[in-house]
Amino acid sequence: MQFSQLPDIRTEHVYLRPIRESDLQDWFDYLTVPGFLDHTSRVLKAVSELVHAIYDPASHAADTQIGSIGFHSVQPAHCTAELAYDLSRKAWGKRTLAQLIPPLLDWVHSEVGIIQVQTHAHVDNTRSIHVLERAGFIHEGTLHCLRMVRGQPSDFQLYAHVRTET
């Protein structure tokens, strides 16, 4: 599912906008820094593997020097979506996601009608787990051997954010 309209989220330091072709090399560069994707199932070998994000209006990027955030696995019939994000190391510790996630959740719940947003965090990715908990996501459980990470089956924590008013 592609969203027909997008939220306009601007903070003092971050502007959320669709990914552009000119962003792909910068995005690829920080995603492929050794060790950066250690807690993810993503494996990238070429910039061309990111091209799909340009055409999907559900994918967003703050300046890709900073990161990307968006929804995938959107299921309109079930009113669910999955949130995914990444941040370059230079943006860590600056509360970038804390500024973006709440208004993005407000938008997807109220404007799109998504009731449940879920996301997964590798069991060792404590930074991401803290971000999710601070954003109001509830820990739903551990999914064992959910995804392959660096050739090994890995456990992920499942988190959900549910719209409280209907």
C-alpha atoms as a PDB file:
ATOM      1  CA  MET A   1       0.000   0.000   0.000  1.00  0.00           C
ATOM      2  CA  GLN A   2       1.267   3.463  -0.837  1.00  0.00           C
ATOM      3  CA  PHE A   3      -0.049   6.409   1.116  1.00  0.00           C
ATOM      4  CA  SER A   4      -1.704   9.101  -0.996  1.00  0.00           C
ATOM      5  CA  GLN A   5      -0.673  11.900   1.339  1.00  0.00           C
ATOM      6  CA  LEU A   6       2.298  12.286   3.628  1.00  0.00           C
ATOM      7  CA  PRO A   7       2.769  14.039   6.941  1.00  0.00           C
ATOM      8  CA  ASP A   8       4.725  17.274   7.079  1.00  0.00           C
ATOM      9  CA  ILE A   9       6.949  16.820  10.111  1.00  0.00           C
ATOM     10  CA  ARG A  10       9.474  19.508  10.892  1.00  0.00           C
ATOM     11  CA  THR A  11      11.337  20.045  14.113  1.00  0.00           C
ATOM     12  CA  GLU A  12      14.130  22.411  15.005  1.00  0.00           C
ATOM     13  CA  HIS A  13      16.730  19.951  13.681  1.00  0.00           C
ATOM     14  CA  VAL A  14      14.860  17.476  11.483  1.00  0.00           C
ATOM     15  CA  TYR A  15      12.678  17.649   8.395  1.00  0.00           C
ATOM     16  CA  LEU A  16      10.934  14.483   7.259  1.00  0.00           C
ATOM     17  CA  ARG A  17      10.597  14.192   3.474  1.00  0.00           C
ATOM     18  CA  PRO A  18      10.400  11.521   0.770  1.00  0.00           C
ATOM     19  CA  ILE A  19      13.642   9.859  -0.255  1.00  0.00           C
ATOM     20  CA  ARG A  20      15.186  11.277  -3.430  1.00  0.00           C
ATOM     21  CA  GLU A  21      17.483   9.596  -5.896  1.00  0.00           C
ATOM     22  CA  SER A  22      20.235  11.995  -4.848  1.00  0.00           C
ATOM     23  CA  ASP A  23      19.992  10.583  -1.287  1.00  0.00           C
ATOM     24  CA  LEU A  24      20.795   6.997  -2.188  1.00  0.00           C
ATOM     25  CA  GLN A  25      24.591   7.141  -2.162  1.00  0.00           C
ATOM     26  CA  ASP A  26      24.723   8.900   1.241  1.00  0.00           C
ATOM     27  CA  TRP A  27      22.182   6.436   2.619  1.00  0.00           C
ATOM     28  CA  PHE A  28      24.133   3.461   1.273  1.00  0.00           C
ATOM     29  CA  ASP A  29      27.404   4.883   2.626  1.00  0.00           C
ATOM     30  CA  TYR A  30      26.282   5.028   6.249  1.00  0.00           C
ATOM     31  CA  LEU A  31      24.305   1.772   6.069  1.00  0.00           C
ATOM     32  CA  THR A  32      27.421  -0.079   4.921  1.00  0.00           C
ATOM     33  CA  VAL A  33      29.837   1.219   7.559  1.00  0.00           C
ATOM     34  CA  PRO A  34      31.306  -1.957   9.119  1.00  0.00           C
ATOM     35  CA  GLY A  35      29.202  -3.031  12.086  1.00  0.00           C
ATOM     36  CA  PHE A  36      26.338  -0.618  11.374  1.00  0.00           C
ATOM     37  CA  LEU A  37      23.811  -3.273  10.364  1.00  0.00           C
ATOM     38  CA  ASP A  38      24.909  -5.837  12.956  1.00  0.00           C
ATOM     39  CA  HIS A  39      21.486  -5.819  14.653  1.00  0.00           C
ATOM     40  CA  THR A  40      19.437  -6.008  11.451  1.00  0.00           C
ATOM     41  CA  SER A  41      18.556  -8.584   8.839  1.00  0.00           C
ATOM     42  CA  ARG A  42      19.403  -6.133   6.051  1.00  0.00           C
ATOM     43  CA  VAL A  43      22.275  -7.057   3.750  1.00  0.00           C
ATOM     44  CA  LEU A  44      23.325  -4.463   1.179  1.00  0.00           C
ATOM     45  CA  LYS A  45      25.801  -4.951  -1.620  1.00  0.00           C
ATOM     46  CA  ALA A  46      24.897  -2.108  -4.021  1.00  0.00           C
ATOM     47  CA  VAL A  47      23.218   1.305  -4.042  1.00  0.00           C
ATOM     48  CA  SER A  48      20.730  -0.061  -6.572  1.00  0.00           C
ATOM     49  CA  GLU A  49      19.151  -2.158  -3.797  1.00  0.00           C
ATOM     50  CA  LEU A  50      17.779   1.079  -2.282  1.00  0.00           C
ATOM     51  CA  VAL A  51      16.143   2.393  -5.461  1.00  0.00           C
ATOM     52  CA  HIS A  52      12.734   0.980  -4.455  1.00  0.00           C
ATOM     53  CA  ALA A  53      12.516   3.596  -1.682  1.00  0.00           C
ATOM     54  CA  ILE A  54      12.398   6.472  -4.189  1.00  0.00           C
ATOM     55  CA  TYR A  55       9.100   5.336  -5.647  1.00  0.00           C
ATOM     56  CA  ASP A  56       7.380   4.410  -2.397  1.00  0.00           C
ATOM     57  CA  PRO A  57       5.764   7.465  -0.803  1.00  0.00           C
ATOM     58  CA  ALA A  58       5.471   5.508   2.457  1.00  0.00           C
ATOM     59  CA  SER A  59       9.258   5.642   2.768  1.00  0.00           C
ATOM     60  CA  HIS A  60      10.670   8.806   4.213  1.00  0.00           C
ATOM     61  CA  ALA A  61      14.019  10.233   5.010  1.00  0.00           C
ATOM     62  CA  ALA A  62      15.177  12.949   7.182  1.00  0.00           C
ATOM     63  CA  ASP A  63      18.314  14.278   5.453  1.00  0.00           C
ATOM     64  CA  THR A  64      19.865  10.903   4.664  1.00  0.00           C
ATOM     65  CA  GLN A  65      22.981  12.091   6.345  1.00  0.00           C
ATOM     66  CA  ILE A  66      20.778  11.526   9.400  1.00  0.00           C
ATOM     67  CA  GLY A  67      18.515   8.573   8.632  1.00  0.00           C
ATOM     68  CA  SER A  68      15.344   7.077   7.234  1.00  0.00           C
ATOM     69  CA  ILE A  69      12.012   6.121   8.730  1.00  0.00           C
ATOM     70  CA  GLY A  70       8.848   4.721   7.220  1.00  0.00           C
ATOM     71  CA  PHE A  71       6.211   2.029   7.102  1.00  0.00           C
ATOM     72  CA  HIS A  72       6.139  -1.276   5.285  1.00  0.00           C
ATOM     73  CA  SER A  73       3.928  -4.344   5.449  1.00  0.00           C
ATOM     74  CA  VAL A  74       0.883  -2.059   5.542  1.00  0.00           C
ATOM     75  CA  GLN A  75      -2.294  -4.139   5.719  1.00  0.00           C
ATOM     76  CA  PRO A  76      -5.312  -1.841   5.187  1.00  0.00           C
ATOM     77  CA  ALA A  77      -7.830  -4.642   5.746  1.00  0.00           C
ATOM     78  CA  HIS A  78      -6.361  -5.269   9.194  1.00  0.00           C
ATOM     79  CA  CYS A  79      -5.403  -1.638   9.954  1.00  0.00           C
ATOM     80  CA  THR A  80      -1.787  -2.595  10.691  1.00  0.00           C
ATOM     81  CA  ALA A  81       1.628  -1.459   9.556  1.00  0.00           C
ATOM     82  CA  GLU A  82       5.246  -2.041  10.504  1.00  0.00           C
ATOM     83  CA  LEU A  83       7.599   0.818  11.353  1.00  0.00           C
ATOM     84  CA  ALA A  84      11.254   0.659  10.319  1.00  0.00           C
ATOM     85  CA  TYR A  85      14.032   3.191  10.743  1.00  0.00           C
ATOM     86  CA  ASP A  86      17.776   3.683  10.706  1.00  0.00           C
ATOM     87  CA  LEU A  87      20.016   6.506  11.878  1.00  0.00           C
ATOM     88  CA  SER A  88      23.574   7.301  10.942  1.00  0.00           C
ATOM     89  CA  ARG A  89      25.944   7.197  13.902  1.00  0.00           C
ATOM     90  CA  LYS A  90      26.403  10.971  13.801  1.00  0.00           C
ATOM     91  CA  ALA A  91      22.710  11.335  14.724  1.00  0.00           C
ATOM     92  CA  TRP A  92      22.821   8.945  17.686  1.00  0.00           C
ATOM     93  CA  GLY A  93      22.127  10.464  21.077  1.00  0.00           C
ATOM     94  CA  LYS A  94      20.445  13.586  19.645  1.00  0.00           C
ATOM     95  CA  ARG A  95      16.825  12.442  20.197  1.00  0.00           C
ATOM     96  CA  THR A  96      16.149  12.517  16.448  1.00  0.00           C
ATOM     97  CA  LEU A  97      13.800   9.539  16.596  1.00  0.00           C
ATOM     98  CA  ALA A  98      12.157  10.915  19.722  1.00  0.00           C
ATOM     99  CA  GLN A  99      11.232  13.976  17.640  1.00  0.00           C
ATOM    100  CA  LEU A 100       9.972  11.992  14.632  1.00  0.00           C
ATOM    101  CA  ILE A 101       8.208   8.905  15.943  1.00  0.00           C
ATOM    102  CA  PRO A 102       5.383  10.532  17.993  1.00  0.00           C
ATOM    103  CA  PRO A 103       4.079  12.818  15.212  1.00  0.00           C
ATOM    104  CA  LEU A 104       4.486  10.010  12.666  1.00  0.00           C
ATOM    105  CA  LEU A 105       2.434   7.691  14.899  1.00  0.00           C
ATOM    106  CA  ASP A 106      -0.198  10.401  15.391  1.00  0.00           C
ATOM    107  CA  TRP A 107      -0.429  10.798  11.609  1.00  0.00           C
ATOM    108  CA  VAL A 108      -0.631   7.097  10.747  1.00  0.00           C
ATOM    109  CA  HIS A 109      -3.258   6.477  13.445  1.00  0.00           C
ATOM    110  CA  SER A 110      -5.460   9.521  12.822  1.00  0.00           C
ATOM    111  CA  GLU A 111      -5.033  10.231   9.093  1.00  0.00           C
ATOM    112  CA  VAL A 112      -4.425   6.761   7.676  1.00  0.00           C
ATOM    113  CA  GLY A 113      -6.548   4.785  10.139  1.00  0.00           C
ATOM    114  CA  ILE A 114      -3.880   2.331  11.196  1.00  0.00           C
ATOM    115  CA  ILE A 115      -4.824   0.864  14.576  1.00  0.00           C
ATOM    116  CA  GLN A 116      -1.686  -1.151  15.336  1.00  0.00           C
ATOM    117  CA  VAL A 117       1.872  -0.235  14.393  1.00  0.00           C
ATOM    118  CA  GLN A 118       4.395  -2.896  15.149  1.00  0.00           C
ATOM    119  CA  THR A 119       8.133  -3.024  14.898  1.00  0.00           C
ATOM    120  CA  HIS A 120      10.944  -5.409  15.685  1.00  0.00           C
ATOM    121  CA  ALA A 121      14.225  -4.773  17.461  1.00  0.00           C
ATOM    122  CA  HIS A 122      17.088  -7.247  17.600  1.00  0.00           C
ATOM    123  CA  VAL A 123      17.428  -8.541  21.168  1.00  0.00           C
ATOM    124  CA  ASP A 124      20.886  -6.951  21.474  1.00  0.00           C
ATOM    125  CA  ASN A 125      19.845  -3.559  20.069  1.00  0.00           C
ATOM    126  CA  THR A 126      19.278  -1.829  23.405  1.00  0.00           C
ATOM    127  CA  ARG A 127      19.385   1.661  21.874  1.00  0.00           C
ATOM    128  CA  SER A 128      16.470   0.886  19.593  1.00  0.00           C
ATOM    129  CA  ILE A 129      14.548  -0.840  22.387  1.00  0.00           C
ATOM    130  CA  HIS A 130      14.885   2.291  24.553  1.00  0.00           C
ATOM    131  CA  VAL A 131      13.707   4.513  21.673  1.00  0.00           C
ATOM    132  CA  LEU A 132      10.615   2.361  21.188  1.00  0.00           C
ATOM    133  CA  GLU A 133       9.743   2.225  24.865  1.00  0.00           C
ATOM    134  CA  ARG A 134      10.132   6.014  25.230  1.00  0.00           C
ATOM    135  CA  ALA A 135       7.829   6.445  22.210  1.00  0.00           C
ATOM    136  CA  GLY A 136       5.085   4.444  23.936  1.00  0.00           C
ATOM    137  CA  PHE A 137       5.535   1.096  22.209  1.00  0.00           C
ATOM    138  CA  ILE A 138       4.618  -1.902  24.358  1.00  0.00           C
ATOM    139  CA  HIS A 139       6.759  -5.036  24.431  1.00  0.00           C
ATOM    140  CA  GLU A 140       4.648  -7.875  23.040  1.00  0.00           C
ATOM    141  CA  GLY A 141       7.214 -10.665  23.294  1.00  0.00           C
ATOM    142  CA  THR A 142      10.289 -12.279  21.834  1.00  0.00           C
ATOM    143  CA  LEU A 143      10.158 -13.799  18.364  1.00  0.00           C
ATOM    144  CA  HIS A 144      12.737 -16.567  18.254  1.00  0.00           C
ATOM    145  CA  CYS A 145      14.790 -17.085  15.097  1.00  0.00           C
ATOM    146  CA  LEU A 146      12.675 -14.466  13.297  1.00  0.00           C
ATOM    147  CA  ARG A 147      15.292 -13.304  10.806  1.00  0.00           C
ATOM    148  CA  MET A 148      18.713 -14.241   9.583  1.00  0.00           C
ATOM    149  CA  VAL A 149      21.365 -11.788  10.794  1.00  0.00           C
ATOM    150  CA  ARG A 150      24.857 -12.230   9.367  1.00  0.00           C
ATOM    151  CA  GLY A 151      23.983 -15.808   8.433  1.00  0.00           C
ATOM    152  CA  GLN A 152      22.591 -16.793  11.852  1.00  0.00           C
ATOM    153  CA  PRO A 153      18.951 -17.120  12.947  1.00  0.00           C
ATOM    154  CA  SER A 154      18.326 -14.279  15.406  1.00  0.00           C
ATOM    155  CA  ASP A 155      15.762 -13.367  18.012  1.00  0.00           C
ATOM    156  CA  PHE A 156      13.883 -10.072  17.852  1.00  0.00           C
ATOM    157  CA  GLN A 157      11.716  -8.226  20.333  1.00  0.00           C
ATOM    158  CA  LEU A 158       8.226  -7.417  19.035  1.00  0.00           C
ATOM    159  CA  TYR A 159       6.823  -4.013  20.005  1.00  0.00           C
ATOM    160  CA  ALA A 160       3.413  -2.539  19.213  1.00  0.00           C
ATOM    161  CA  HIS A 161       1.819   0.890  19.394  1.00  0.00           C
ATOM    162  CA  VAL A 162      -1.968   0.767  19.395  1.00  0.00           C
ATOM    163  CA  ARG A 163      -4.311   3.668  18.731  1.00  0.00           C
ATOM    164  CA  THR A 164      -6.187   4.219  21.957  1.00  0.00           C
ATOM    165  CA  GLU A 165      -9.179   6.161  20.633  1.00  0.00           C
ATOM    166  CA  THR A 166     -11.354   4.841  17.818  1.00  0.00           C
END
